[in-house]
Amino acid sequence: MIFVSLAASMGFMGASCPVFALATVGLILVLTLPFLLFAFVTTLLNHIEISAIDPATVKSSTSVTADASSQRTAQVVS
């Protein structure tokens, strides 16, 4: 559908009707952009994992990670 519409707009441009060509490209963008945006956003959101967090687990895991991070020092390899 998009390619057919773009081909039609290029045909209008070749037929020396640039107003129709620009109107066709604008119509394509207005009609297809919401669908493309919806597909992109839903694909992006499908890769995000949402899970419930237990407050008791959060307190114990933050103290463990804080202790682990304080024990490790950064090393520079040259």
C-alpha atoms as a PDB file:
ATOM      1  CA  MET A   1       0.000   0.000   0.000  1.00  0.00           C
ATOM      2  CA  ILE A   2       2.744   2.448   0.940  1.00  0.00           C
ATOM      3  CA  PHE A   3       4.863   1.539  -2.085  1.00  0.00           C
ATOM      4  CA  VAL A   4       1.916   1.837  -4.460  1.00  0.00           C
ATOM      5  CA  SER A   5       1.095   5.265  -3.063  1.00  0.00           C
ATOM      6  CA  LEU A   6       4.701   6.398  -3.340  1.00  0.00           C
ATOM      7  CA  ALA A   7       4.815   5.118  -6.918  1.00  0.00           C
ATOM      8  CA  ALA A   8       1.668   7.111  -7.670  1.00  0.00           C
ATOM      9  CA  SER A   9       3.220  10.236  -6.194  1.00  0.00           C
ATOM     10  CA  MET A  10       6.342   9.746  -8.316  1.00  0.00           C
ATOM     11  CA  GLY A  11       4.057   9.331 -11.324  1.00  0.00           C
ATOM     12  CA  PHE A  12       2.377  12.619 -10.502  1.00  0.00           C
ATOM     13  CA  MET A  13       5.794  14.256 -10.202  1.00  0.00           C
ATOM     14  CA  GLY A  14       6.828  12.867 -13.578  1.00  0.00           C
ATOM     15  CA  ALA A  15       3.591  14.086 -15.133  1.00  0.00           C
ATOM     16  CA  SER A  16       4.517  17.632 -14.052  1.00  0.00           C
ATOM     17  CA  CYS A  17       1.902  17.762 -11.292  1.00  0.00           C
ATOM     18  CA  PRO A  18       4.059  18.544  -8.262  1.00  0.00           C
ATOM     19  CA  VAL A  19       1.089  19.747  -6.200  1.00  0.00           C
ATOM     20  CA  PHE A  20      -0.616  16.371  -6.520  1.00  0.00           C
ATOM     21  CA  ALA A  21       2.666  14.589  -5.808  1.00  0.00           C
ATOM     22  CA  LEU A  22       3.226  16.517  -2.579  1.00  0.00           C
ATOM     23  CA  ALA A  23      -0.401  16.044  -1.567  1.00  0.00           C
ATOM     24  CA  THR A  24      -0.076  12.294  -2.159  1.00  0.00           C
ATOM     25  CA  VAL A  25       3.101  12.051  -0.068  1.00  0.00           C
ATOM     26  CA  GLY A  26       1.456  14.092   2.702  1.00  0.00           C
ATOM     27  CA  LEU A  27      -1.587  11.841   2.635  1.00  0.00           C
ATOM     28  CA  ILE A  28       0.635   8.769   2.848  1.00  0.00           C
ATOM     29  CA  LEU A  29       2.447  10.161   5.876  1.00  0.00           C
ATOM     30  CA  VAL A  30      -0.752  11.208   7.631  1.00  0.00           C
ATOM     31  CA  LEU A  31      -2.428   7.838   7.095  1.00  0.00           C
ATOM     32  CA  THR A  32       0.500   5.486   7.757  1.00  0.00           C
ATOM     33  CA  LEU A  33       2.501   7.241  10.478  1.00  0.00           C
ATOM     34  CA  PRO A  34       0.117   6.343  13.342  1.00  0.00           C
ATOM     35  CA  PHE A  35       0.220   2.657  12.367  1.00  0.00           C
ATOM     36  CA  LEU A  36       4.004   2.624  12.045  1.00  0.00           C
ATOM     37  CA  LEU A  37       4.381   4.419  15.364  1.00  0.00           C
ATOM     38  CA  PHE A  38       1.992   1.985  17.049  1.00  0.00           C
ATOM     39  CA  ALA A  39       3.935  -0.997  15.695  1.00  0.00           C
ATOM     40  CA  PHE A  40       7.256   0.460  16.858  1.00  0.00           C
ATOM     41  CA  VAL A  41       6.045   1.358  20.343  1.00  0.00           C
ATOM     42  CA  THR A  42       4.323  -1.990  20.959  1.00  0.00           C
ATOM     43  CA  THR A  43       7.439  -3.849  19.820  1.00  0.00           C
ATOM     44  CA  LEU A  44       9.516  -1.730  22.164  1.00  0.00           C
ATOM     45  CA  LEU A  45       7.143  -2.295  25.075  1.00  0.00           C
ATOM     46  CA  ASN A  46       7.083  -6.056  24.487  1.00  0.00           C
ATOM     47  CA  HIS A  47      10.776  -6.189  25.413  1.00  0.00           C
ATOM     48  CA  ILE A  48      10.221  -4.591  28.824  1.00  0.00           C
ATOM     49  CA  GLU A  49       9.608  -7.025  31.640  1.00  0.00           C
ATOM     50  CA  ILE A  50       7.418  -5.842  34.488  1.00  0.00           C
ATOM     51  CA  SER A  51       7.482  -7.854  37.692  1.00  0.00           C
ATOM     52  CA  ALA A  52       6.248  -7.271  41.228  1.00  0.00           C
ATOM     53  CA  ILE A  53       8.866  -6.465  43.865  1.00  0.00           C
ATOM     54  CA  ASP A  54       8.596  -7.608  47.453  1.00  0.00           C
ATOM     55  CA  PRO A  55       9.676  -4.773  49.805  1.00  0.00           C
ATOM     56  CA  ALA A  56      11.445  -7.216  52.134  1.00  0.00           C
ATOM     57  CA  THR A  57      13.457  -8.617  49.236  1.00  0.00           C
ATOM     58  CA  VAL A  58      14.416  -5.150  48.021  1.00  0.00           C
ATOM     59  CA  LYS A  59      15.943  -4.149  51.377  1.00  0.00           C
ATOM     60  CA  SER A  60      18.009  -7.315  51.683  1.00  0.00           C
ATOM     61  CA  SER A  61      19.144  -7.300  48.041  1.00  0.00           C
ATOM     62  CA  THR A  62      20.209  -3.631  48.133  1.00  0.00           C
ATOM     63  CA  SER A  63      22.393  -4.235  51.154  1.00  0.00           C
ATOM     64  CA  VAL A  64      23.971  -7.266  49.484  1.00  0.00           C
ATOM     65  CA  THR A  65      24.676  -5.372  46.272  1.00  0.00           C
ATOM     66  CA  ALA A  66      26.052  -2.410  48.209  1.00  0.00           C
ATOM     67  CA  ASP A  67      28.445  -4.709  50.091  1.00  0.00           C
ATOM     68  CA  ALA A  68      29.482  -6.469  46.894  1.00  0.00           C
ATOM     69  CA  SER A  69      30.121  -3.222  45.061  1.00  0.00           C
ATOM     70  CA  SER A  70      32.218  -1.824  47.909  1.00  0.00           C
ATOM     71  CA  GLN A  71      34.455  -4.907  47.904  1.00  0.00           C
ATOM     72  CA  ARG A  72      35.362  -4.691  44.242  1.00  0.00           C
ATOM     73  CA  THR A  73      37.791  -2.062  43.045  1.00  0.00           C
ATOM     74  CA  ALA A  74      38.156  -0.807  39.502  1.00  0.00           C
ATOM     75  CA  GLN A  75      41.197  -2.015  37.610  1.00  0.00           C
ATOM     76  CA  VAL A  76      42.589  -0.287  34.559  1.00  0.00           C
ATOM     77  CA  VAL A  77      44.157  -2.498  31.921  1.00  0.00           C
ATOM     78  CA  SER A  78      46.741  -0.760  29.770  1.00  0.00           C
END
